[in-house]
Amino acid sequence: MSDDDQEQTRKDFGDAVNMTAATLEKWLGTDESKEVGDKQSGESTGHASGRRIVSLLRKKRDDLTDDDLKHMRKVVGYVHRHLAQRPGGDVEDSRWRYSLMNWGHDPLEK
């Protein structure tokens, strides 16, 4: 991956993930976080991704691996697709919002 592609991935990830590592880690400990998502092996895909995002947010830029950058692109894609499916009405206590939050994006944050 070129330096420009890596930089764009980091920028896109930073735009998509609007929760801090501490806020996301706290969220992942809630019952609401654990109740949403596809659970084929006990833990949902989004919840596992959230744990990885916490790790990525705490990593130094120069320590990011190609696999880290690949996951960052996956997060960006998920957030963009999910935002496009916003349901009508109040989403504050919705499964849609909770799922996005597992991926590091709180749609109610500005």
N, C-alpha and C. Protein backbone atom coordinates (compact mmCIF):
# COMPACT_ATOMS: atom_id res chain seq x y z
N MET A 1 0.86 -1.17 0.00
CA MET A 1 0.00 0.00 0.00
C MET A 1 0.90 1.23 0.00
N SER A 2 0.59 2.16 -0.88
CA SER A 2 1.40 3.37 -0.97
C SER A 2 1.22 4.25 0.26
N ASP A 3 2.16 5.15 0.47
CA ASP A 3 2.05 6.09 1.59
C ASP A 3 0.79 6.93 1.49
N ASP A 4 0.43 7.32 0.28
CA ASP A 4 -0.79 8.12 0.09
C ASP A 4 -2.03 7.32 0.46
N ASP A 5 -2.06 6.03 0.08
CA ASP A 5 -3.20 5.17 0.43
C ASP A 5 -3.29 4.97 1.94
N GLN A 6 -2.15 4.80 2.57
CA GLN A 6 -2.14 4.64 4.02
C GLN A 6 -2.65 5.91 4.70
N GLU A 7 -2.22 7.05 4.21
CA GLU A 7 -2.65 8.32 4.79
C GLU A 7 -4.16 8.50 4.61
N GLN A 8 -4.67 8.16 3.43
CA GLN A 8 -6.11 8.28 3.17
C GLN A 8 -6.90 7.34 4.07
N THR A 9 -6.39 6.13 4.26
CA THR A 9 -7.05 5.17 5.15
C THR A 9 -7.12 5.71 6.57
N ARG A 10 -6.02 6.26 7.06
CA ARG A 10 -6.01 6.83 8.42
C ARG A 10 -6.98 8.00 8.52
N LYS A 11 -7.03 8.83 7.50
CA LYS A 11 -7.95 9.98 7.50
C LYS A 11 -9.41 9.50 7.51
N ASP A 12 -9.72 8.57 6.63
CA ASP A 12 -11.09 8.05 6.53
C ASP A 12 -11.50 7.38 7.84
N PHE A 13 -10.59 6.63 8.45
CA PHE A 13 -10.86 5.97 9.72
C PHE A 13 -11.12 7.02 10.80
N GLY A 14 -10.30 8.05 10.83
CA GLY A 14 -10.48 9.13 11.80
C GLY A 14 -11.81 9.85 11.64
N ASP A 15 -12.27 9.97 10.40
CA ASP A 15 -13.57 10.60 10.14
C ASP A 15 -14.73 9.68 10.56
N ALA A 16 -14.57 8.38 10.34
CA ALA A 16 -15.64 7.43 10.61
C ALA A 16 -15.76 7.11 12.10
N VAL A 17 -14.64 6.99 12.78
CA VAL A 17 -14.63 6.62 14.20
C VAL A 17 -14.62 7.91 15.02
N ASN A 18 -15.76 8.22 15.61
CA ASN A 18 -15.88 9.48 16.36
C ASN A 18 -15.94 9.26 17.87
N MET A 19 -15.62 8.05 18.30
CA MET A 19 -15.57 7.75 19.73
C MET A 19 -14.10 7.59 20.14
N THR A 20 -13.75 8.03 21.34
CA THR A 20 -12.40 7.84 21.84
C THR A 20 -12.22 6.38 22.26
N ALA A 21 -10.98 5.98 22.42
CA ALA A 21 -10.71 4.61 22.87
C ALA A 21 -11.38 4.36 24.22
N ALA A 22 -11.29 5.32 25.13
CA ALA A 22 -11.88 5.14 26.47
C ALA A 22 -13.40 5.05 26.40
N THR A 23 -14.01 5.91 25.60
CA THR A 23 -15.47 5.90 25.48
C THR A 23 -15.95 4.60 24.84
N LEU A 24 -15.27 4.17 23.80
CA LEU A 24 -15.64 2.92 23.13
C LEU A 24 -15.45 1.73 24.05
N GLU A 25 -14.35 1.71 24.76
CA GLU A 25 -14.09 0.60 25.68
C GLU A 25 -15.17 0.52 26.76
N LYS A 26 -15.57 1.66 27.28
CA LYS A 26 -16.64 1.70 28.29
C LYS A 26 -17.95 1.20 27.67
N TRP A 27 -18.27 1.65 26.46
CA TRP A 27 -19.49 1.23 25.76
C TRP A 27 -19.51 -0.29 25.57
N LEU A 28 -18.37 -0.86 25.17
CA LEU A 28 -18.31 -2.29 24.90
C LEU A 28 -18.59 -3.14 26.14
N GLY A 29 -18.49 -2.54 27.31
CA GLY A 29 -18.79 -3.26 28.54
C GLY A 29 -20.26 -3.26 28.92
N THR A 30 -21.10 -2.56 28.16
CA THR A 30 -22.52 -2.47 28.48
C THR A 30 -23.31 -3.65 27.92
N ASP A 31 -24.44 -3.92 28.55
CA ASP A 31 -25.34 -4.96 28.04
C ASP A 31 -25.86 -4.61 26.65
N GLU A 32 -26.16 -3.34 26.42
CA GLU A 32 -26.69 -2.91 25.12
C GLU A 32 -25.70 -3.23 24.00
N SER A 33 -24.43 -3.03 24.27
CA SER A 33 -23.41 -3.31 23.27
C SER A 33 -23.35 -4.79 22.94
N LYS A 34 -23.52 -5.61 23.94
CA LYS A 34 -23.40 -7.06 23.76
C LYS A 34 -24.64 -7.70 23.15
N GLU A 35 -25.76 -6.95 23.12
CA GLU A 35 -27.03 -7.51 22.64
C GLU A 35 -27.25 -7.34 21.14
N VAL A 36 -26.41 -6.57 20.46
CA VAL A 36 -26.64 -6.33 19.03
C VAL A 36 -25.58 -7.02 18.18
N GLY A 37 -25.95 -7.28 16.94
CA GLY A 37 -25.01 -7.79 15.97
C GLY A 37 -25.15 -9.28 15.72
N ASP A 38 -24.40 -9.73 14.72
CA ASP A 38 -24.36 -11.12 14.29
C ASP A 38 -23.46 -11.90 15.24
N LYS A 39 -24.04 -12.89 15.93
CA LYS A 39 -23.29 -13.64 16.95
C LYS A 39 -23.14 -15.10 16.53
N GLN A 40 -22.19 -15.39 15.70
CA GLN A 40 -21.97 -16.78 15.28
C GLN A 40 -21.11 -17.54 16.29
N SER A 41 -20.25 -16.83 17.01
CA SER A 41 -19.35 -17.54 17.94
C SER A 41 -19.46 -17.00 19.36
N GLY A 42 -20.61 -16.47 19.72
CA GLY A 42 -20.81 -15.93 21.06
C GLY A 42 -20.69 -14.42 21.10
N GLU A 43 -19.60 -13.88 20.55
CA GLU A 43 -19.41 -12.44 20.49
C GLU A 43 -19.75 -11.96 19.09
N SER A 44 -20.48 -10.84 18.99
CA SER A 44 -20.85 -10.34 17.67
C SER A 44 -19.63 -9.83 16.92
N THR A 45 -19.74 -9.82 15.62
CA THR A 45 -18.67 -9.32 14.76
C THR A 45 -18.35 -7.87 15.11
N GLY A 46 -19.38 -7.06 15.32
CA GLY A 46 -19.18 -5.65 15.65
C GLY A 46 -18.51 -5.46 16.99
N HIS A 47 -18.88 -6.29 17.96
CA HIS A 47 -18.29 -6.17 19.30
C HIS A 47 -16.79 -6.51 19.23
N ALA A 48 -16.45 -7.56 18.52
CA ALA A 48 -15.05 -7.93 18.35
C ALA A 48 -14.30 -6.83 17.61
N SER A 49 -14.94 -6.25 16.59
CA SER A 49 -14.33 -5.15 15.86
C SER A 49 -14.10 -3.96 16.78
N GLY A 50 -15.04 -3.69 17.66
CA GLY A 50 -14.90 -2.59 18.60
C GLY A 50 -13.67 -2.76 19.48
N ARG A 51 -13.44 -3.99 19.94
CA ARG A 51 -12.25 -4.24 20.75
C ARG A 51 -10.98 -3.98 19.94
N ARG A 52 -11.02 -4.35 18.68
CA ARG A 52 -9.86 -4.10 17.80
C ARG A 52 -9.69 -2.61 17.55
N ILE A 53 -10.78 -1.89 17.39
CA ILE A 53 -10.73 -0.45 17.17
C ILE A 53 -10.10 0.24 18.37
N VAL A 54 -10.44 -0.19 19.58
CA VAL A 54 -9.82 0.38 20.79
C VAL A 54 -8.31 0.25 20.69
N SER A 55 -7.85 -0.94 20.29
CA SER A 55 -6.42 -1.18 20.15
C SER A 55 -5.81 -0.28 19.07
N LEU A 56 -6.50 -0.14 17.95
CA LEU A 56 -6.01 0.70 16.86
C LEU A 56 -5.91 2.17 17.28
N LEU A 57 -6.91 2.63 18.02
CA LEU A 57 -6.89 4.02 18.47
C LEU A 57 -5.73 4.30 19.42
N ARG A 58 -5.28 3.29 20.11
CA ARG A 58 -4.19 3.46 21.07
C ARG A 58 -2.81 3.22 20.46
N LYS A 59 -2.77 2.74 19.23
CA LYS A 59 -1.50 2.48 18.57
C LYS A 59 -0.90 3.76 18.01
N LYS A 60 0.41 3.80 17.97
CA LYS A 60 1.09 4.90 17.32
C LYS A 60 0.99 4.69 15.81
N ARG A 61 0.90 5.78 15.12
CA ARG A 61 0.74 5.76 13.66
C ARG A 61 1.78 4.86 12.98
N ASP A 62 3.02 4.97 13.39
CA ASP A 62 4.09 4.21 12.75
C ASP A 62 4.07 2.72 13.10
N ASP A 63 3.26 2.35 14.09
CA ASP A 63 3.17 0.94 14.50
C ASP A 63 2.03 0.19 13.81
N LEU A 64 1.25 0.89 12.99
CA LEU A 64 0.14 0.24 12.29
C LEU A 64 0.66 -0.72 11.23
N THR A 65 0.13 -1.93 11.23
CA THR A 65 0.51 -2.94 10.25
C THR A 65 -0.43 -2.90 9.05
N ASP A 66 -0.09 -3.65 8.01
CA ASP A 66 -0.97 -3.75 6.85
C ASP A 66 -2.32 -4.34 7.26
N ASP A 67 -2.30 -5.31 8.19
CA ASP A 67 -3.54 -5.90 8.66
C ASP A 67 -4.38 -4.87 9.43
N ASP A 68 -3.73 -4.01 10.20
CA ASP A 68 -4.43 -2.93 10.89
C ASP A 68 -5.12 -2.01 9.89
N LEU A 69 -4.39 -1.62 8.86
CA LEU A 69 -4.94 -0.72 7.84
C LEU A 69 -6.11 -1.39 7.10
N LYS A 70 -6.01 -2.69 6.88
CA LYS A 70 -7.10 -3.43 6.25
C LYS A 70 -8.35 -3.38 7.13
N HIS A 71 -8.17 -3.58 8.45
CA HIS A 71 -9.33 -3.51 9.34
C HIS A 71 -9.89 -2.09 9.39
N MET A 72 -9.02 -1.11 9.35
CA MET A 72 -9.49 0.29 9.35
C MET A 72 -10.37 0.55 8.13
N ARG A 73 -10.00 0.02 6.97
CA ARG A 73 -10.83 0.18 5.76
C ARG A 73 -12.16 -0.55 5.92
N LYS A 74 -12.14 -1.71 6.57
CA LYS A 74 -13.38 -2.46 6.83
C LYS A 74 -14.31 -1.64 7.71
N VAL A 75 -13.76 -1.00 8.74
CA VAL A 75 -14.56 -0.16 9.65
C VAL A 75 -15.19 0.99 8.88
N VAL A 76 -14.42 1.66 8.06
CA VAL A 76 -14.92 2.79 7.27
C VAL A 76 -16.08 2.34 6.39
N GLY A 77 -15.90 1.21 5.71
CA GLY A 77 -16.96 0.69 4.85
C GLY A 77 -18.22 0.37 5.61
N TYR A 78 -18.07 -0.27 6.77
CA TYR A 78 -19.23 -0.62 7.58
C TYR A 78 -19.97 0.63 8.03
N VAL A 79 -19.24 1.60 8.56
CA VAL A 79 -19.88 2.82 9.06
C VAL A 79 -20.62 3.52 7.94
N HIS A 80 -20.01 3.66 6.78
CA HIS A 80 -20.68 4.34 5.66
C HIS A 80 -21.93 3.60 5.21
N ARG A 81 -21.86 2.27 5.10
CA ARG A 81 -23.03 1.49 4.69
C ARG A 81 -24.15 1.59 5.72
N HIS A 82 -23.79 1.49 6.98
CA HIS A 82 -24.79 1.50 8.05
C HIS A 82 -25.45 2.88 8.19
N LEU A 83 -24.67 3.93 8.03
CA LEU A 83 -25.25 5.28 8.11
C LEU A 83 -26.28 5.50 7.00
N ALA A 84 -26.06 4.89 5.86
CA ALA A 84 -26.99 5.03 4.74
C ALA A 84 -28.32 4.32 5.02
N GLN A 85 -28.36 3.47 6.04
CA GLN A 85 -29.57 2.72 6.37
C GLN A 85 -30.27 3.30 7.61
N ARG A 86 -30.03 4.55 7.91
CA ARG A 86 -30.61 5.17 9.10
C ARG A 86 -32.13 5.03 9.11
N PRO A 87 -32.67 4.49 10.18
CA PRO A 87 -34.13 4.36 10.27
C PRO A 87 -34.77 5.72 10.60
N GLY A 88 -36.04 5.81 10.38
CA GLY A 88 -36.76 7.03 10.73
C GLY A 88 -37.00 7.10 12.23
N GLY A 89 -37.33 8.27 12.69
CA GLY A 89 -37.68 8.43 14.10
C GLY A 89 -36.47 8.60 15.00
N ASP A 90 -36.72 8.48 16.29
CA ASP A 90 -35.70 8.65 17.30
C ASP A 90 -34.80 7.42 17.32
N VAL A 91 -33.51 7.63 17.16
CA VAL A 91 -32.57 6.50 17.10
C VAL A 91 -31.73 6.36 18.38
N GLU A 92 -32.01 7.19 19.39
CA GLU A 92 -31.16 7.21 20.58
C GLU A 92 -31.00 5.83 21.22
N ASP A 93 -32.09 5.11 21.38
CA ASP A 93 -32.03 3.79 22.01
C ASP A 93 -32.28 2.67 21.00
N SER A 94 -31.80 2.87 19.78
CA SER A 94 -32.08 1.88 18.72
C SER A 94 -30.92 0.90 18.55
N ARG A 95 -31.26 -0.29 18.08
CA ARG A 95 -30.25 -1.29 17.76
C ARG A 95 -29.34 -0.78 16.66
N TRP A 96 -29.87 0.03 15.76
CA TRP A 96 -29.08 0.61 14.67
C TRP A 96 -27.94 1.45 15.26
N ARG A 97 -28.26 2.33 16.20
CA ARG A 97 -27.23 3.16 16.82
C ARG A 97 -26.25 2.30 17.61
N TYR A 98 -26.76 1.35 18.37
CA TYR A 98 -25.89 0.51 19.19
C TYR A 98 -24.90 -0.27 18.33
N SER A 99 -25.37 -0.75 17.19
CA SER A 99 -24.50 -1.48 16.28
C SER A 99 -23.38 -0.57 15.76
N LEU A 100 -23.75 0.64 15.36
CA LEU A 100 -22.74 1.59 14.90
C LEU A 100 -21.74 1.92 16.00
N MET A 101 -22.23 2.05 17.21
CA MET A 101 -21.33 2.37 18.32
C MET A 101 -20.33 1.24 18.56
N ASN A 102 -20.73 0.00 18.34
CA ASN A 102 -19.78 -1.11 18.46
C ASN A 102 -18.64 -0.96 17.47
N TRP A 103 -18.90 -0.28 16.37
CA TRP A 103 -17.88 -0.05 15.34
C TRP A 103 -17.21 1.32 15.52
N GLY A 104 -17.44 1.97 16.66
CA GLY A 104 -16.71 3.19 16.98
C GLY A 104 -17.36 4.48 16.52
N HIS A 105 -18.59 4.40 16.03
CA HIS A 105 -19.25 5.62 15.54
C HIS A 105 -20.58 5.82 16.27
N ASP A 106 -20.69 6.94 16.97
CA ASP A 106 -21.96 7.30 17.60
C ASP A 106 -22.63 8.35 16.72
N PRO A 107 -23.73 7.97 16.05
CA PRO A 107 -24.38 8.90 15.12
C PRO A 107 -24.99 10.12 15.81
N LEU A 108 -25.09 10.11 17.12
CA LEU A 108 -25.63 11.27 17.82
C LEU A 108 -24.54 12.28 18.19
N GLU A 109 -23.28 11.91 18.00
CA GLU A 109 -22.17 12.83 18.27
C GLU A 109 -21.97 13.71 17.04
N LYS A 110 -21.67 14.94 17.31
CA LYS A 110 -21.42 15.89 16.20
C LYS A 110 -19.95 15.96 15.88
